[in-house]
Amino acid sequence: SGYGDLKKSLADLVLKEFEGMRKKREELVADPKRVEMWMRDGGAKARKTAEEVLKRVRAAVGTRE
């Protein structure tokens, strides 16, 4: 049927579109230590950036740390 063919084509297209993300997720799930390292490193980088921004904000509004 035309409708059934359309649904199958759409499902195939959706699966193909998400295939790369699915593979990446599988890689990440298989290597939790790597993910933890990225999160730790990302957190440290975010803290550093936030500290720099807060220093500029405090200087701009005239408050002390």
C-alpha atoms as a PDB file:
ATOM      1  CA  SER A   1       0.000   0.000   0.000  1.00  0.00           C
ATOM      2  CA  GLY A   2       1.111   3.552  -0.599  1.00  0.00           C
ATOM      3  CA  TYR A   3       0.746   4.558   3.042  1.00  0.00           C
ATOM      4  CA  GLY A   4       2.679   1.527   4.299  1.00  0.00           C
ATOM      5  CA  ASP A   5       5.459   2.181   1.799  1.00  0.00           C
ATOM      6  CA  LEU A   6       5.611   5.801   2.908  1.00  0.00           C
ATOM      7  CA  LYS A   7       5.900   4.788   6.574  1.00  0.00           C
ATOM      8  CA  LYS A   8       8.669   2.304   5.779  1.00  0.00           C
ATOM      9  CA  SER A   9      10.569   4.888   3.735  1.00  0.00           C
ATOM     10  CA  LEU A  10      10.207   7.433   6.518  1.00  0.00           C
ATOM     11  CA  ALA A  11      11.373   4.933   9.148  1.00  0.00           C
ATOM     12  CA  ASP A  12      14.401   4.036   7.016  1.00  0.00           C
ATOM     13  CA  LEU A  13      15.239   7.713   6.582  1.00  0.00           C
ATOM     14  CA  VAL A  14      14.949   8.405  10.316  1.00  0.00           C
ATOM     15  CA  LEU A  15      17.140   5.410  11.189  1.00  0.00           C
ATOM     16  CA  LYS A  16      19.750   6.470   8.644  1.00  0.00           C
ATOM     17  CA  GLU A  17      19.720  10.059   9.947  1.00  0.00           C
ATOM     18  CA  PHE A  18      20.336   8.962  13.545  1.00  0.00           C
ATOM     19  CA  GLU A  19      22.825   6.178  12.744  1.00  0.00           C
ATOM     20  CA  GLY A  20      25.904   8.321  13.444  1.00  0.00           C
ATOM     21  CA  MET A  21      24.541   9.526  16.781  1.00  0.00           C
ATOM     22  CA  ARG A  22      23.604   5.973  17.759  1.00  0.00           C
ATOM     23  CA  LYS A  23      27.127   4.746  17.015  1.00  0.00           C
ATOM     24  CA  LYS A  24      28.656   7.628  18.976  1.00  0.00           C
ATOM     25  CA  ARG A  25      26.405   6.823  21.951  1.00  0.00           C
ATOM     26  CA  GLU A  26      27.491   3.181  21.814  1.00  0.00           C
ATOM     27  CA  GLU A  27      31.151   4.274  21.843  1.00  0.00           C
ATOM     28  CA  LEU A  28      30.554   6.507  24.858  1.00  0.00           C
ATOM     29  CA  VAL A  29      28.626   3.852  26.778  1.00  0.00           C
ATOM     30  CA  ALA A  30      31.475   1.411  26.131  1.00  0.00           C
ATOM     31  CA  ASP A  31      34.072   3.801  27.616  1.00  0.00           C
ATOM     32  CA  PRO A  32      32.661   5.426  30.781  1.00  0.00           C
ATOM     33  CA  LYS A  33      36.117   6.389  32.100  1.00  0.00           C
ATOM     34  CA  ARG A  34      36.665   8.503  28.998  1.00  0.00           C
ATOM     35  CA  VAL A  35      33.316  10.225  29.534  1.00  0.00           C
ATOM     36  CA  GLU A  36      34.164  10.869  33.196  1.00  0.00           C
ATOM     37  CA  MET A  37      37.505  12.396  32.143  1.00  0.00           C
ATOM     38  CA  TRP A  38      35.757  14.695  29.646  1.00  0.00           C
ATOM     39  CA  MET A  39      33.258  15.765  32.300  1.00  0.00           C
ATOM     40  CA  ARG A  40      36.004  16.442  34.848  1.00  0.00           C
ATOM     41  CA  ASP A  41      38.101  18.389  32.338  1.00  0.00           C
ATOM     42  CA  GLY A  42      35.045  20.254  31.068  1.00  0.00           C
ATOM     43  CA  GLY A  43      34.056  21.181  34.609  1.00  0.00           C
ATOM     44  CA  ALA A  44      37.517  22.558  35.335  1.00  0.00           C
ATOM     45  CA  LYS A  45      37.460  24.585  32.131  1.00  0.00           C
ATOM     46  CA  ALA A  46      33.974  25.920  32.910  1.00  0.00           C
ATOM     47  CA  ARG A  47      35.036  26.924  36.437  1.00  0.00           C
ATOM     48  CA  LYS A  48      38.052  28.798  35.086  1.00  0.00           C
ATOM     49  CA  THR A  49      35.920  30.641  32.537  1.00  0.00           C
ATOM     50  CA  ALA A  50      33.282  31.455  35.155  1.00  0.00           C
ATOM     51  CA  GLU A  51      35.916  32.814  37.548  1.00  0.00           C
ATOM     52  CA  GLU A  52      37.302  35.101  34.837  1.00  0.00           C
ATOM     53  CA  VAL A  53      33.834  36.371  33.940  1.00  0.00           C
ATOM     54  CA  LEU A  54      32.950  36.969  37.592  1.00  0.00           C
ATOM     55  CA  LYS A  55      36.163  38.955  38.111  1.00  0.00           C
ATOM     56  CA  ARG A  56      35.232  41.213  35.196  1.00  0.00           C
ATOM     57  CA  VAL A  57      31.670  41.591  36.466  1.00  0.00           C
ATOM     58  CA  ARG A  58      32.849  42.441  39.974  1.00  0.00           C
ATOM     59  CA  ALA A  59      35.303  44.991  38.591  1.00  0.00           C
ATOM     60  CA  ALA A  60      32.571  46.523  36.427  1.00  0.00           C
ATOM     61  CA  VAL A  61      30.126  46.915  39.318  1.00  0.00           C
ATOM     62  CA  GLY A  62      32.778  47.850  41.840  1.00  0.00           C
ATOM     63  CA  THR A  63      32.476  44.955  44.275  1.00  0.00           C
ATOM     64  CA  ARG A  64      35.233  42.880  45.828  1.00  0.00           C
ATOM     65  CA  GLU A  65      35.712  39.124  45.745  1.00  0.00           C
END
